[in-house]
C-alpha atoms as a PDB file:
ATOM      1  CA  MET A   1     109.131  21.844 119.053  1.00  0.00           C
ATOM      2  CA  LYS A   2     111.702  19.416 120.449  1.00  0.00           C
ATOM      3  CA  ILE A   3     111.638  18.710 124.185  1.00  0.00           C
ATOM      4  CA  GLY A   4     113.927  16.329 126.049  1.00  0.00           C
ATOM      5  CA  ILE A   5     112.928  13.993 128.865  1.00  0.00           C
ATOM      6  CA  LEU A   6     115.630  13.310 131.481  1.00  0.00           C
ATOM      7  CA  LEU A   7     114.229  11.233 134.333  1.00  0.00           C
ATOM      8  CA  GLY A   8     117.068  11.758 136.789  1.00  0.00           C
ATOM      9  CA  ASP A   9     117.282   9.561 139.884  1.00  0.00           C
ATOM     10  CA  ASP A  10     115.034   8.227 142.675  1.00  0.00           C
ATOM     11  CA  VAL A  11     111.653  10.057 142.695  1.00  0.00           C
ATOM     12  CA  GLY A  12     112.548  11.601 139.349  1.00  0.00           C
ATOM     13  CA  LEU A  13     111.584   8.265 137.796  1.00  0.00           C
ATOM     14  CA  GLU A  14     108.104   8.768 139.254  1.00  0.00           C
ATOM     15  CA  VAL A  15     107.374  12.498 138.999  1.00  0.00           C
ATOM     16  CA  VAL A  16     108.871  13.232 135.561  1.00  0.00           C
ATOM     17  CA  PRO A  17     106.516  10.762 133.777  1.00  0.00           C
ATOM     18  CA  GLU A  18     103.567  12.512 135.422  1.00  0.00           C
ATOM     19  CA  CYS A  19     104.867  15.850 134.184  1.00  0.00           C
ATOM     20  CA  VAL A  20     105.234  14.486 130.652  1.00  0.00           C
ATOM     21  CA  LYS A  21     101.745  12.942 130.845  1.00  0.00           C
ATOM     22  CA  VAL A  22     100.203  16.299 131.731  1.00  0.00           C
ATOM     23  CA  MET A  23     102.267  18.211 129.164  1.00  0.00           C
ATOM     24  CA  LYS A  24     101.254  15.786 126.415  1.00  0.00           C
ATOM     25  CA  ALA A  25      97.600  16.230 127.333  1.00  0.00           C
ATOM     26  CA  ALA A  26      97.945  20.028 127.201  1.00  0.00           C
ATOM     27  CA  ALA A  27      99.900  19.956 123.934  1.00  0.00           C
ATOM     28  CA  GLY A  28      97.265  17.707 122.387  1.00  0.00           C
ATOM     29  CA  LYS A  29      94.464  20.024 123.450  1.00  0.00           C
ATOM     30  CA  SER A  30      96.168  23.158 122.097  1.00  0.00           C
ATOM     31  CA  GLY A  31      97.416  21.536 118.886  1.00  0.00           C
ATOM     32  CA  LEU A  32     101.087  22.058 119.786  1.00  0.00           C
ATOM     33  CA  GLU A  33     103.245  19.511 117.973  1.00  0.00           C
ATOM     34  CA  ILE A  34     106.194  18.222 119.999  1.00  0.00           C
ATOM     35  CA  GLU A  35     108.942  15.731 119.337  1.00  0.00           C
ATOM     36  CA  TRP A  36     109.759  14.136 122.708  1.00  0.00           C
ATOM     37  CA  ARG A  37     113.329  12.896 123.161  1.00  0.00           C
ATOM     38  CA  PRO A  38     114.128  10.650 126.146  1.00  0.00           C
ATOM     39  CA  LEU A  39     117.807  11.028 127.116  1.00  0.00           C
ATOM     40  CA  PRO A  40     119.889   9.164 129.716  1.00  0.00           C
ATOM     41  CA  ILE A  41     121.325  10.958 132.710  1.00  0.00           C
ATOM     42  CA  GLY A  42     122.261  10.178 136.310  1.00  0.00           C
ATOM     43  CA  ARG A  43     122.421   6.545 137.298  1.00  0.00           C
ATOM     44  CA  ARG A  44     120.802   5.443 134.057  1.00  0.00           C
ATOM     45  CA  GLY A  45     123.413   7.396 132.117  1.00  0.00           C
ATOM     46  CA  HIS A  46     126.190   5.685 134.037  1.00  0.00           C
ATOM     47  CA  ARG A  47     124.619   2.266 133.589  1.00  0.00           C
ATOM     48  CA  GLU A  48     124.230   2.673 129.827  1.00  0.00           C
ATOM     49  CA  HIS A  49     127.246   4.874 128.958  1.00  0.00           C
ATOM     50  CA  GLY A  50     129.611   4.784 131.917  1.00  0.00           C
ATOM     51  CA  ASP A  51     128.976   8.413 132.907  1.00  0.00           C
ATOM     52  CA  THR A  52     126.222  10.278 134.741  1.00  0.00           C
ATOM     53  CA  TYR A  53     126.447  12.968 132.036  1.00  0.00           C
ATOM     54  CA  PRO A  54     126.905  10.978 128.803  1.00  0.00           C
ATOM     55  CA  ALA A  55     128.325  12.705 125.729  1.00  0.00           C
ATOM     56  CA  VAL A  56     125.284  11.618 123.709  1.00  0.00           C
ATOM     57  CA  THR A  57     123.003  13.501 126.102  1.00  0.00           C
ATOM     58  CA  ALA A  58     125.140  16.656 126.074  1.00  0.00           C
ATOM     59  CA  ARG A  59     125.200  16.569 122.292  1.00  0.00           C
ATOM     60  CA  GLU A  60     121.468  16.032 121.789  1.00  0.00           C
ATOM     61  CA  LEU A  61     120.481  18.711 124.301  1.00  0.00           C
ATOM     62  CA  ARG A  62     121.953  21.319 121.954  1.00  0.00           C
ATOM     63  CA  GLU A  63     119.317  20.449 119.365  1.00  0.00           C
ATOM     64  CA  LEU A  64     116.349  20.957 121.697  1.00  0.00           C
ATOM     65  CA  ASP A  65     114.095  23.882 122.534  1.00  0.00           C
ATOM     66  CA  GLY A  66     113.990  22.783 126.159  1.00  0.00           C
ATOM     67  CA  TRP A  67     113.927  19.776 128.417  1.00  0.00           C
ATOM     68  CA  ILE A  68     112.441  18.323 131.589  1.00  0.00           C
ATOM     69  CA  MET A  69     115.100  17.397 134.125  1.00  0.00           C
ATOM     70  CA  GLY A  70     114.390  15.126 137.072  1.00  0.00           C
ATOM     71  CA  PRO A  71     116.290  15.478 140.365  1.00  0.00           C
ATOM     72  CA  ILE A  72     119.802  14.028 140.482  1.00  0.00           C
ATOM     73  CA  GLY A  73     120.816  11.891 143.486  1.00  0.00           C
ATOM     74  CA  HIS A  74     124.417  13.088 143.439  1.00  0.00           C
ATOM     75  CA  ASN A  75     124.789  12.992 147.234  1.00  0.00           C
ATOM     76  CA  THR A  76     124.937   9.205 147.040  1.00  0.00           C
ATOM     77  CA  TYR A  77     127.311   9.015 144.071  1.00  0.00           C
ATOM     78  CA  PRO A  78     130.775   7.468 144.580  1.00  0.00           C
ATOM     79  CA  ARG A  79     133.397  10.091 145.444  1.00  0.00           C
ATOM     80  CA  ASN A  80     136.669  10.741 143.604  1.00  0.00           C
ATOM     81  CA  ASP A  81     135.366   9.229 140.381  1.00  0.00           C
ATOM     82  CA  PRO A  82     134.889  11.790 137.559  1.00  0.00           C
ATOM     83  CA  THR A  83     132.307   9.569 135.832  1.00  0.00           C
ATOM     84  CA  TRP A  84     129.982  10.125 138.799  1.00  0.00           C
ATOM     85  CA  MET A  85     129.157  13.829 138.934  1.00  0.00           C
ATOM     86  CA  MET A  86     126.373  16.357 139.118  1.00  0.00           C
ATOM     87  CA  PRO A  87     125.778  17.100 135.423  1.00  0.00           C
ATOM     88  CA  PRO A  88     126.942  20.705 134.807  1.00  0.00           C
ATOM     89  CA  ILE A  89     124.016  21.479 132.519  1.00  0.00           C
ATOM     90  CA  ARG A  90     123.357  25.005 133.765  1.00  0.00           C
ATOM     91  CA  LYS A  91     126.970  25.982 133.082  1.00  0.00           C
ATOM     92  CA  ASP A  92     127.284  24.137 129.770  1.00  0.00           C
ATOM     93  CA  PHE A  93     124.172  25.763 128.321  1.00  0.00           C
ATOM     94  CA  ASP A  94     124.572  29.156 129.994  1.00  0.00           C
ATOM     95  CA  LEU A  95     121.241  28.910 131.788  1.00  0.00           C
ATOM     96  CA  PHE A  96     121.656  32.222 133.542  1.00  0.00           C
ATOM     97  CA  ALA A  97     118.424  32.642 135.497  1.00  0.00           C
ATOM     98  CA  ALA A  98     116.245  30.444 137.700  1.00  0.00           C
ATOM     99  CA  LEU A  99     112.547  31.326 137.796  1.00  0.00           C
ATOM    100  CA  ARG A 100     111.040  29.985 141.002  1.00  0.00           C
ATOM    101  CA  PRO A 101     107.448  30.805 141.881  1.00  0.00           C
ATOM    102  CA  ALA A 102     105.906  30.605 145.350  1.00  0.00           C
ATOM    103  CA  LYS A 103     102.110  30.430 145.148  1.00  0.00           C
ATOM    104  CA  SER A 104      99.669  29.608 147.931  1.00  0.00           C
ATOM    105  CA  TYR A 105      96.347  27.802 147.483  1.00  0.00           C
ATOM    106  CA  PRO A 106      93.331  28.414 149.748  1.00  0.00           C
ATOM    107  CA  SER A 107      92.734  24.702 150.330  1.00  0.00           C
ATOM    108  CA  ILE A 108      96.349  23.895 151.298  1.00  0.00           C
ATOM    109  CA  PRO A 109      97.522  24.911 154.794  1.00  0.00           C
ATOM    110  CA  SER A 110     100.388  27.390 154.721  1.00  0.00           C
ATOM    111  CA  ILE A 111     101.968  30.090 156.840  1.00  0.00           C
ATOM    112  CA  HIS A 112     100.474  32.763 154.573  1.00  0.00           C
ATOM    113  CA  GLN A 113      97.662  32.915 152.034  1.00  0.00           C
ATOM    114  CA  ASP A 114      97.357  35.135 148.955  1.00  0.00           C
ATOM    115  CA  VAL A 115     101.059  34.637 148.153  1.00  0.00           C
ATOM    116  CA  ASP A 116     102.004  34.807 144.468  1.00  0.00           C
ATOM    117  CA  ILE A 117     105.682  35.606 143.951  1.00  0.00           C
ATOM    118  CA  VAL A 118     108.178  34.749 141.235  1.00  0.00           C
ATOM    119  CA  PHE A 119     111.810  34.774 142.365  1.00  0.00           C
ATOM    120  CA  VAL A 120     114.322  35.398 139.551  1.00  0.00           C
ATOM    121  CA  ARG A 121     117.751  34.231 140.676  1.00  0.00           C
ATOM    122  CA  GLU A 122     121.008  34.770 138.781  1.00  0.00           C
ATOM    123  CA  LEU A 123     122.728  31.399 138.275  1.00  0.00           C
ATOM    124  CA  THR A 124     126.158  31.919 136.723  1.00  0.00           C
ATOM    125  CA  GLU A 125     127.896  34.322 139.122  1.00  0.00           C
ATOM    126  CA  GLY A 126     128.020  35.250 142.800  1.00  0.00           C
ATOM    127  CA  MET A 127     129.715  33.219 145.500  1.00  0.00           C
ATOM    128  CA  GLY A 128     129.275  29.977 143.589  1.00  0.00           C
ATOM    129  CA  ALA A 129     131.306  31.231 140.619  1.00  0.00           C
ATOM    130  CA  GLY A 130     134.254  32.639 142.555  1.00  0.00           C
ATOM    131  CA  PRO A 131     137.164  30.466 143.731  1.00  0.00           C
ATOM    132  CA  GLU A 132     137.914  29.633 147.339  1.00  0.00           C
ATOM    133  CA  PHE A 133     141.433  29.283 148.681  1.00  0.00           C
ATOM    134  CA  ARG A 134     143.111  28.760 152.047  1.00  0.00           C
ATOM    135  CA  PRO A 135     146.468  30.534 152.347  1.00  0.00           C
ATOM    136  CA  ASN A 136     147.030  28.911 155.746  1.00  0.00           C
ATOM    137  CA  ASP A 137     145.158  26.668 158.140  1.00  0.00           C
ATOM    138  CA  GLU A 138     143.653  29.636 159.981  1.00  0.00           C
ATOM    139  CA  VAL A 139     142.194  31.598 157.072  1.00  0.00           C
ATOM    140  CA  THR A 140     139.927  30.793 154.118  1.00  0.00           C
ATOM    141  CA  ILE A 141     139.110  33.355 151.437  1.00  0.00           C
ATOM    142  CA  ALA A 142     136.075  33.134 149.134  1.00  0.00           C
ATOM    143  CA  THR A 143     135.419  35.544 146.274  1.00  0.00           C
ATOM    144  CA  ARG A 144     132.170  36.791 144.750  1.00  0.00           C
ATOM    145  CA  VAL A 145     131.845  37.471 141.037  1.00  0.00           C
ATOM    146  CA  ILE A 146     129.382  40.080 139.724  1.00  0.00           C
ATOM    147  CA  SER A 147     129.367  41.344 136.123  1.00  0.00           C
ATOM    148  CA  ARG A 148     127.344  43.943 134.271  1.00  0.00           C
ATOM    149  CA  LYS A 149     126.330  41.405 131.642  1.00  0.00           C
ATOM    150  CA  GLY A 150     125.151  38.850 134.208  1.00  0.00           C
ATOM    151  CA  SER A 151     123.268  41.444 136.231  1.00  0.00           C
ATOM    152  CA  ALA A 152     121.620  43.074 133.212  1.00  0.00           C
ATOM    153  CA  ARG A 153     120.336  39.875 131.636  1.00  0.00           C
ATOM    154  CA  VAL A 154     118.824  38.485 134.826  1.00  0.00           C
ATOM    155  CA  ALA A 155     117.191  41.866 135.472  1.00  0.00           C
ATOM    156  CA  ARG A 156     115.784  41.893 131.961  1.00  0.00           C
ATOM    157  CA  GLU A 157     114.326  38.408 132.464  1.00  0.00           C
ATOM    158  CA  ALA A 158     112.647  39.601 135.660  1.00  0.00           C
ATOM    159  CA  PHE A 159     111.038  42.559 133.890  1.00  0.00           C
ATOM    160  CA  GLU A 160     109.870  40.346 131.031  1.00  0.00           C
ATOM    161  CA  VAL A 161     108.231  37.999 133.548  1.00  0.00           C
ATOM    162  CA  ALA A 162     106.625  40.951 135.342  1.00  0.00           C
ATOM    163  CA  ARG A 163     105.061  42.133 132.082  1.00  0.00           C
ATOM    164  CA  THR A 164     103.057  38.884 131.941  1.00  0.00           C
ATOM    165  CA  ARG A 165     101.639  39.348 135.446  1.00  0.00           C
ATOM    166  CA  ARG A 166      98.764  41.432 136.756  1.00  0.00           C
ATOM    167  CA  ARG A 167     100.715  43.586 139.239  1.00  0.00           C
ATOM    168  CA  ARG A 168     103.716  44.285 136.981  1.00  0.00           C
ATOM    169  CA  LYS A 169     106.179  44.993 139.775  1.00  0.00           C
ATOM    170  CA  VAL A 170     109.868  44.081 140.177  1.00  0.00           C
ATOM    171  CA  THR A 171     111.784  44.285 143.453  1.00  0.00           C
ATOM    172  CA  ALA A 172     115.588  44.108 143.306  1.00  0.00           C
ATOM    173  CA  ALA A 173     117.083  42.553 146.456  1.00  0.00           C
ATOM    174  CA  HIS A 174     120.687  43.483 147.297  1.00  0.00           C
ATOM    175  CA  LYS A 175     122.933  44.970 150.006  1.00  0.00           C
ATOM    176  CA  GLU A 176     124.523  47.932 148.256  1.00  0.00           C
ATOM    177  CA  PRO A 177     125.405  49.935 151.408  1.00  0.00           C
ATOM    178  CA  ALA A 178     127.627  47.078 152.635  1.00  0.00           C
ATOM    179  CA  TYR A 179     128.895  45.715 149.291  1.00  0.00           C
ATOM    180  CA  ARG A 180     129.232  48.920 147.327  1.00  0.00           C
ATOM    181  CA  LEU A 181     131.072  47.428 144.354  1.00  0.00           C
ATOM    182  CA  ALA A 182     129.449  43.981 144.048  1.00  0.00           C
ATOM    183  CA  CYS A 183     125.853  44.707 145.023  1.00  0.00           C
ATOM    184  CA  GLY A 184     126.381  48.211 143.683  1.00  0.00           C
ATOM    185  CA  MET A 185     127.005  46.911 140.178  1.00  0.00           C
ATOM    186  CA  PHE A 186     123.971  44.604 140.355  1.00  0.00           C
ATOM    187  CA  ALA A 187     121.773  47.485 141.545  1.00  0.00           C
ATOM    188  CA  GLU A 188     123.106  49.825 138.839  1.00  0.00           C
ATOM    189  CA  GLU A 189     122.225  47.367 136.084  1.00  0.00           C
ATOM    190  CA  CYS A 190     118.757  46.756 137.512  1.00  0.00           C
ATOM    191  CA  ARG A 191     118.123  50.503 137.482  1.00  0.00           C
ATOM    192  CA  LYS A 192     119.310  50.791 133.873  1.00  0.00           C
ATOM    193  CA  VAL A 193     117.055  47.938 132.731  1.00  0.00           C
ATOM    194  CA  ALA A 194     114.114  49.401 134.652  1.00  0.00           C
ATOM    195  CA  ARG A 195     114.247  52.535 132.472  1.00  0.00           C
ATOM    196  CA  SER A 196     113.383  50.375 129.443  1.00  0.00           C
ATOM    197  CA  TYR A 197     110.220  49.085 131.144  1.00  0.00           C
ATOM    198  CA  PRO A 198     108.152  52.155 132.059  1.00  0.00           C
ATOM    199  CA  ASP A 199     105.064  49.944 132.317  1.00  0.00           C
ATOM    200  CA  VAL A 200     106.610  47.967 135.226  1.00  0.00           C
ATOM    201  CA  THR A 201     106.938  49.369 138.750  1.00  0.00           C
ATOM    202  CA  PHE A 202     110.485  49.044 140.087  1.00  0.00           C
ATOM    203  CA  GLU A 203     111.677  49.144 143.695  1.00  0.00           C
ATOM    204  CA  GLU A 204     114.739  48.085 145.669  1.00  0.00           C
ATOM    205  CA  GLU A 205     115.107  46.517 149.117  1.00  0.00           C
ATOM    206  CA  MET A 206     118.003  45.390 151.244  1.00  0.00           C
ATOM    207  CA  ILE A 207     118.361  41.604 151.350  1.00  0.00           C
ATOM    208  CA  ASP A 208     117.937  41.379 155.129  1.00  0.00           C
ATOM    209  CA  THR A 209     114.871  43.611 155.019  1.00  0.00           C
ATOM    210  CA  ILE A 210     113.254  41.596 152.261  1.00  0.00           C
ATOM    211  CA  ALA A 211     113.892  38.372 154.202  1.00  0.00           C
ATOM    212  CA  MET A 212     111.945  39.826 157.126  1.00  0.00           C
ATOM    213  CA  HIS A 213     109.133  41.145 154.948  1.00  0.00           C
ATOM    214  CA  LEU A 214     108.771  37.804 153.180  1.00  0.00           C
ATOM    215  CA  VAL A 215     107.951  36.255 156.551  1.00  0.00           C
ATOM    216  CA  THR A 216     105.641  39.048 157.717  1.00  0.00           C
ATOM    217  CA  ALA A 217     104.013  40.372 154.528  1.00  0.00           C
ATOM    218  CA  PRO A 218     104.830  38.287 151.416  1.00  0.00           C
ATOM    219  CA  GLN A 219     101.725  39.625 149.688  1.00  0.00           C
ATOM    220  CA  ASP A 220     103.641  42.858 149.058  1.00  0.00           C
ATOM    221  CA  TYR A 221     105.845  41.192 146.442  1.00  0.00           C
ATOM    222  CA  ASP A 222     105.290  40.244 142.815  1.00  0.00           C
ATOM    223  CA  VAL A 223     108.642  39.526 141.072  1.00  0.00           C
ATOM    224  CA  ILE A 224     111.865  39.536 143.111  1.00  0.00           C
ATOM    225  CA  VAL A 225     115.222  39.590 141.274  1.00  0.00           C
ATOM    226  CA  THR A 226     118.508  39.002 143.047  1.00  0.00           C
ATOM    227  CA  THR A 227     121.996  37.518 142.856  1.00  0.00           C
ATOM    228  CA  ASN A 228     122.910  33.843 143.054  1.00  0.00           C
ATOM    229  CA  GLN A 229     123.431  33.134 146.745  1.00  0.00           C
ATOM    230  CA  PHE A 230     120.814  35.589 147.952  1.00  0.00           C
ATOM    231  CA  GLY A 231     118.358  33.987 145.542  1.00  0.00           C
ATOM    232  CA  ASP A 232     119.215  30.500 146.743  1.00  0.00           C
ATOM    233  CA  ILE A 233     118.192  31.497 150.264  1.00  0.00           C
ATOM    234  CA  LEU A 234     115.128  33.592 149.394  1.00  0.00           C
ATOM    235  CA  THR A 235     113.562  30.910 147.193  1.00  0.00           C
ATOM    236  CA  ASP A 236     113.628  28.413 150.061  1.00  0.00           C
ATOM    237  CA  ILE A 237     111.979  30.986 152.292  1.00  0.00           C
ATOM    238  CA  GLY A 238     109.322  31.354 149.615  1.00  0.00           C
ATOM    239  CA  ALA A 239     108.753  27.593 149.505  1.00  0.00           C
ATOM    240  CA  GLY A 240     108.407  27.509 153.280  1.00  0.00           C
ATOM    241  CA  LEU A 241     105.737  30.197 153.183  1.00  0.00           C
ATOM    242  CA  ILE A 242     103.404  28.198 150.960  1.00  0.00           C
ATOM    243  CA  GLY A 243     103.815  24.607 152.122  1.00  0.00           C
ATOM    244  CA  GLY A 244     107.329  23.338 151.369  1.00  0.00           C
ATOM    245  CA  LEU A 245     109.502  22.177 148.513  1.00  0.00           C
ATOM    246  CA  GLY A 246     106.793  19.862 147.192  1.00  0.00           C
ATOM    247  CA  LEU A 247     105.068  23.033 145.989  1.00  0.00           C
ATOM    248  CA  ALA A 248     108.202  24.670 144.555  1.00  0.00           C
ATOM    249  CA  PRO A 249     108.595  24.334 140.776  1.00  0.00           C
ATOM    250  CA  GLY A 250     111.440  25.883 138.823  1.00  0.00           C
ATOM    251  CA  LEU A 251     112.681  26.810 135.385  1.00  0.00           C
ATOM    252  CA  CYS A 252     116.302  27.530 134.429  1.00  0.00           C
ATOM    253  CA  VAL A 253     116.434  29.752 131.353  1.00  0.00           C
ATOM    254  CA  GLY A 254     119.078  30.725 128.837  1.00  0.00           C
ATOM    255  CA  LYS A 255     118.995  32.815 125.700  1.00  0.00           C
ATOM    256  CA  ARG A 256     117.388  30.155 123.513  1.00  0.00           C
ATOM    257  CA  GLN A 257     116.749  27.105 125.734  1.00  0.00           C
ATOM    258  CA  ALA A 258     115.160  26.356 129.099  1.00  0.00           C
ATOM    259  CA  MET A 259     115.172  23.475 131.564  1.00  0.00           C
ATOM    260  CA  ALA A 260     112.175  22.537 133.699  1.00  0.00           C
ATOM    261  CA  GLN A 261     113.585  21.395 137.031  1.00  0.00           C
ATOM    262  CA  ALA A 262     111.698  21.209 140.319  1.00  0.00           C
ATOM    263  CA  THR A 263     113.426  22.729 143.336  1.00  0.00           C
ATOM    264  CA  HIS A 264     113.247  19.586 145.466  1.00  0.00           C
ATOM    265  CA  GLY A 265     115.905  16.845 145.532  1.00  0.00           C
ATOM    266  CA  SER A 266     115.705  13.173 144.603  1.00  0.00           C
ATOM    267  CA  ALA A 267     114.190  12.071 147.971  1.00  0.00           C
ATOM    268  CA  PRO A 268     115.638   8.530 148.035  1.00  0.00           C
ATOM    269  CA  ASP A 269     113.779   7.801 151.287  1.00  0.00           C
ATOM    270  CA  ILE A 270     110.412   7.740 149.498  1.00  0.00           C
ATOM    271  CA  ALA A 271     111.562   6.616 146.037  1.00  0.00           C
ATOM    272  CA  GLY A 272     109.685   3.670 144.575  1.00  0.00           C
ATOM    273  CA  LYS A 273     106.683   4.064 146.879  1.00  0.00           C
ATOM    274  CA  ASN A 274     104.483   6.045 144.447  1.00  0.00           C
ATOM    275  CA  ILE A 275     103.773   8.687 147.100  1.00  0.00           C
ATOM    276  CA  ALA A 276     105.934  11.621 145.883  1.00  0.00           C
ATOM    277  CA  ASN A 277     104.081  14.847 145.176  1.00  0.00           C
ATOM    278  CA  PRO A 278     104.272  15.511 141.401  1.00  0.00           C
ATOM    279  CA  TYR A 279     103.065  19.140 141.675  1.00  0.00           C
ATOM    280  CA  ALA A 280     106.499  20.795 141.513  1.00  0.00           C
ATOM    281  CA  MET A 281     107.565  18.771 138.483  1.00  0.00           C
ATOM    282  CA  ILE A 282     104.261  19.249 136.653  1.00  0.00           C
ATOM    283  CA  MET A 283     104.291  23.003 137.248  1.00  0.00           C
ATOM    284  CA  SER A 284     107.926  23.154 136.125  1.00  0.00           C
ATOM    285  CA  GLY A 285     106.706  21.694 132.822  1.00  0.00           C
ATOM    286  CA  GLN A 286     103.940  24.288 132.770  1.00  0.00           C
ATOM    287  CA  MET A 287     106.570  26.996 133.185  1.00  0.00           C
ATOM    288  CA  LEU A 288     108.540  25.562 130.253  1.00  0.00           C
ATOM    289  CA  PHE A 289     105.467  25.860 128.023  1.00  0.00           C
ATOM    290  CA  ASP A 290     104.829  29.376 129.305  1.00  0.00           C
ATOM    291  CA  TRP A 291     108.432  30.429 128.599  1.00  0.00           C
ATOM    292  CA  LEU A 292     108.376  28.922 125.091  1.00  0.00           C
ATOM    293  CA  GLY A 293     105.148  30.743 124.402  1.00  0.00           C
ATOM    294  CA  ARG A 294     106.564  34.055 125.618  1.00  0.00           C
ATOM    295  CA  VAL A 295     110.046  33.837 124.101  1.00  0.00           C
ATOM    296  CA  ARG A 296     109.151  32.084 120.837  1.00  0.00           C
ATOM    297  CA  GLY A 297     105.819  33.827 120.337  1.00  0.00           C
ATOM    298  CA  GLU A 298     104.119  30.413 120.132  1.00  0.00           C
ATOM    299  CA  ALA A 299     100.477  30.952 121.137  1.00  0.00           C
ATOM    300  CA  ARG A 300      99.767  27.216 121.355  1.00  0.00           C
ATOM    301  CA  ALA A 301     102.502  26.775 123.951  1.00  0.00           C
ATOM    302  CA  SER A 302     100.983  29.608 125.994  1.00  0.00           C
ATOM    303  CA  GLU A 303      97.572  27.997 125.654  1.00  0.00           C
ATOM    304  CA  ALA A 304      98.969  24.663 126.856  1.00  0.00           C
ATOM    305  CA  ALA A 305     100.576  26.402 129.850  1.00  0.00           C
ATOM    306  CA  GLY A 306      97.282  28.030 130.743  1.00  0.00           C
ATOM    307  CA  ALA A 307      95.445  24.698 130.512  1.00  0.00           C
ATOM    308  CA  ILE A 308      97.896  23.051 132.936  1.00  0.00           C
ATOM    309  CA  GLU A 309      97.703  25.891 135.432  1.00  0.00           C
ATOM    310  CA  ALA A 310      93.908  25.813 135.408  1.00  0.00           C
ATOM    311  CA  ALA A 311      93.835  22.016 135.739  1.00  0.00           C
ATOM    312  CA  VAL A 312      96.246  22.006 138.697  1.00  0.00           C
ATOM    313  CA  SER A 313      94.200  24.684 140.472  1.00  0.00           C
ATOM    314  CA  LYS A 314      91.021  22.654 139.886  1.00  0.00           C
ATOM    315  CA  VAL A 315      92.472  19.403 141.230  1.00  0.00           C
ATOM    316  CA  ILE A 316      93.886  21.161 144.301  1.00  0.00           C
ATOM    317  CA  ALA A 317      90.602  22.978 144.982  1.00  0.00           C
ATOM    318  CA  GLU A 318      88.617  19.725 144.754  1.00  0.00           C
ATOM    319  CA  GLY A 319      91.046  17.965 147.097  1.00  0.00           C
ATOM    320  CA  LYS A 320      90.116  14.462 145.933  1.00  0.00           C
ATOM    321  CA  HIS A 321      93.361  13.464 144.241  1.00  0.00           C
ATOM    322  CA  LEU A 322      96.156  14.922 146.350  1.00  0.00           C
ATOM    323  CA  THR A 323      99.235  13.170 147.736  1.00  0.00           C
ATOM    324  CA  ARG A 324      99.714  12.699 151.474  1.00  0.00           C
ATOM    325  CA  ASP A 325     101.905  15.764 151.991  1.00  0.00           C
ATOM    326  CA  LEU A 326      99.004  17.879 150.687  1.00  0.00           C
ATOM    327  CA  GLY A 327      96.512  16.246 153.028  1.00  0.00           C
ATOM    328  CA  GLY A 328      95.187  13.630 150.594  1.00  0.00           C
ATOM    329  CA  ARG A 329      95.547   9.900 150.021  1.00  0.00           C
ATOM    330  CA  ALA A 330      96.324   9.750 146.305  1.00  0.00           C
ATOM    331  CA  THR A 331      99.404   8.179 144.801  1.00  0.00           C
ATOM    332  CA  THR A 332     101.814  10.049 142.565  1.00  0.00           C
ATOM    333  CA  THR A 333     100.211   8.423 139.527  1.00  0.00           C
ATOM    334  CA  GLU A 334      96.650   9.137 140.645  1.00  0.00           C
ATOM    335  CA  MET A 335      97.371  12.836 141.139  1.00  0.00           C
ATOM    336  CA  GLY A 336      99.029  13.015 137.720  1.00  0.00           C
ATOM    337  CA  ASP A 337      96.094  11.204 136.114  1.00  0.00           C
ATOM    338  CA  ALA A 338      93.637  13.620 137.720  1.00  0.00           C
ATOM    339  CA  ILE A 339      95.511  16.687 136.469  1.00  0.00           C
ATOM    340  CA  ALA A 340      95.838  15.244 132.936  1.00  0.00           C
ATOM    341  CA  ALA A 341      92.105  14.469 132.922  1.00  0.00           C
ATOM    342  CA  ALA A 342      91.328  18.017 134.071  1.00  0.00           C
ATOM    343  CA  VAL A 343      93.474  19.363 131.230  1.00  0.00           C
ATOM    344  CA  ARG A 344      91.577  17.312 128.665  1.00  0.00           C
ATOM    345  CA  ALA A 345      88.242  18.328 130.155  1.00  0.00           C
END
């Protein structure tokens, strides 16, 4: 397999190497052969090629099975200069769904325990895809785009994920009574897809209701599928339930490629201090292996994913090599070393 390494900016330069370290240990243990391809992006891309999204990177990504993407510090990029931009990788590679788990650990303080949810968020449509315009200074109009294709494929991804989990349940979150055409189309496609998965329990909930229930009883949920903007909000609620964005990994998936990308930003305030929590990035890499194993039928990738998950759980349970935000005193590197050692053991 061919996997790209894109460090990104700020703490990306610290957490992505720990992710790669752990993934290499797991691949070595399972016998999975990987060609690793470092590619420039962000500030490094601009320094070496005059653009934060160099053409060489865009070209080489098309040859890969997947890649690890560090956070991009685009908020500090110069404005009104097209060579400084947030790389449009999701759009360019039609990465249509974001898989974002929220999992609690008994030894880490959190609002709720026994939480194990995977949010499946549509990425290509919704409010973010529709244009905004201002016909006069008093009125602004924003549009929301929903399609049958976009709704069906994100629903199908959610059901495929549910099939790999113990509870095998999918909850579709929408607001059909208020948005009968937009949310109605999304709900219709979820119902159609559900008929092809008789082994998976399917239910629907209004978006406002599910937001309340996530705060009061998140243990009720297994896999939640929803539209772009709703998913953007719900996934942050999920992260808050289990300890914050440092515990929020993510995977953006397309038809034949996937991108491991933690939910958190580039955190320039702690960059270079070797204190950033590498959990989210490492578990994003774990999710990439898991997806490659499921979609490509590659048992060694699935084995590598399982080894990483078990190693992370072990290191967290022992509590000896955790970063400060998790109640420990370890550096970024020390936590990554401990997880890699647990994988090998």
